Amino acid sequence: MDFLTRIPEATRHSLYRLGLAIVALAGVYGLVSDVQAAGWVAVVTALFSSAMAVANTSKTPVDEA
């Protein structure tokens, strides 16, 4: 996941918005049903949020004194 840490924050923000916009447009144009669109939104959200969180979280243990 090293490549994800190199994605600038502004680009990540745009990717989130673009992914959800694509799903919404697919629903509007009838390419997917409402139920399928909801599923795809869940997939896009899970992939982006989980992958980006893992990539941008420190892997070193915190020393709690």
Protein backbone atom coordinates (compact mmCIF):
# COMPACT_ATOMS: atom_id res chain seq x y z
CA MET A 1 0.00 0.00 0.00
CA ASP A 2 3.01 2.24 -0.26
CA PHE A 3 1.63 3.80 -3.44
CA LEU A 4 -1.41 5.09 -1.53
CA THR A 5 0.72 7.16 0.81
CA ARG A 6 2.09 9.06 -2.16
CA ILE A 7 -1.35 10.20 -3.32
CA PRO A 8 -1.75 13.86 -2.31
CA GLU A 9 -4.67 14.73 -0.06
CA ALA A 10 -6.35 16.88 -2.73
CA THR A 11 -6.19 13.97 -5.19
CA ARG A 12 -7.65 11.55 -2.65
CA HIS A 13 -10.47 14.01 -2.01
CA SER A 14 -11.20 14.15 -5.73
CA LEU A 15 -11.13 10.36 -6.03
CA TYR A 16 -13.75 10.01 -3.29
CA ARG A 17 -16.03 12.49 -5.01
CA LEU A 18 -15.46 11.03 -8.47
CA GLY A 19 -16.19 7.48 -7.34
CA LEU A 20 -19.49 8.46 -5.77
CA ALA A 21 -20.43 10.68 -8.72
CA ILE A 22 -19.86 7.82 -11.17
CA VAL A 23 -22.15 5.56 -9.16
CA ALA A 24 -24.80 8.28 -8.95
CA LEU A 25 -24.67 8.91 -12.70
CA ALA A 26 -24.89 5.19 -13.42
CA GLY A 27 -28.08 5.14 -11.35
CA VAL A 28 -29.54 8.21 -13.03
CA TYR A 29 -28.95 6.78 -16.51
CA GLY A 30 -30.36 3.40 -15.56
CA LEU A 31 -27.11 1.48 -15.83
CA VAL A 32 -27.63 0.15 -12.31
CA SER A 33 -30.73 -0.19 -10.14
CA ASP A 34 -31.21 1.74 -6.91
CA VAL A 35 -30.26 -1.35 -4.92
CA GLN A 36 -27.14 -1.93 -7.01
CA ALA A 37 -26.16 1.74 -6.73
CA ALA A 38 -26.44 1.55 -2.94
CA GLY A 39 -24.21 -1.51 -2.99
CA TRP A 40 -21.63 0.19 -5.20
CA VAL A 41 -21.61 3.26 -2.96
CA ALA A 42 -20.88 0.97 -0.03
CA VAL A 43 -18.06 -0.72 -1.95
CA VAL A 44 -16.50 2.58 -3.09
CA THR A 45 -16.72 4.00 0.43
CA ALA A 46 -15.27 0.89 2.04
CA LEU A 47 -12.40 0.62 -0.41
CA PHE A 48 -11.40 4.26 -0.28
CA SER A 49 -11.82 4.77 3.44
CA SER A 50 -10.18 1.51 4.51
CA ALA A 51 -7.34 1.58 2.01
CA MET A 52 -6.51 5.22 2.65
CA ALA A 53 -6.75 4.82 6.43
CA VAL A 54 -4.40 1.85 6.41
CA ALA A 55 -1.96 3.57 4.08
CA ASN A 56 -1.87 6.76 6.13
CA THR A 57 -1.65 5.27 9.60
CA SER A 58 1.62 4.97 11.46
CA LYS A 59 2.91 1.41 11.81
CA THR A 60 5.18 2.19 14.74
CA PRO A 61 3.91 1.44 18.24
CA VAL A 62 3.19 4.37 20.50
CA ASP A 63 5.26 4.47 23.67
CA GLU A 64 2.79 5.09 26.48
CA ALA A 65 4.77 6.05 29.53
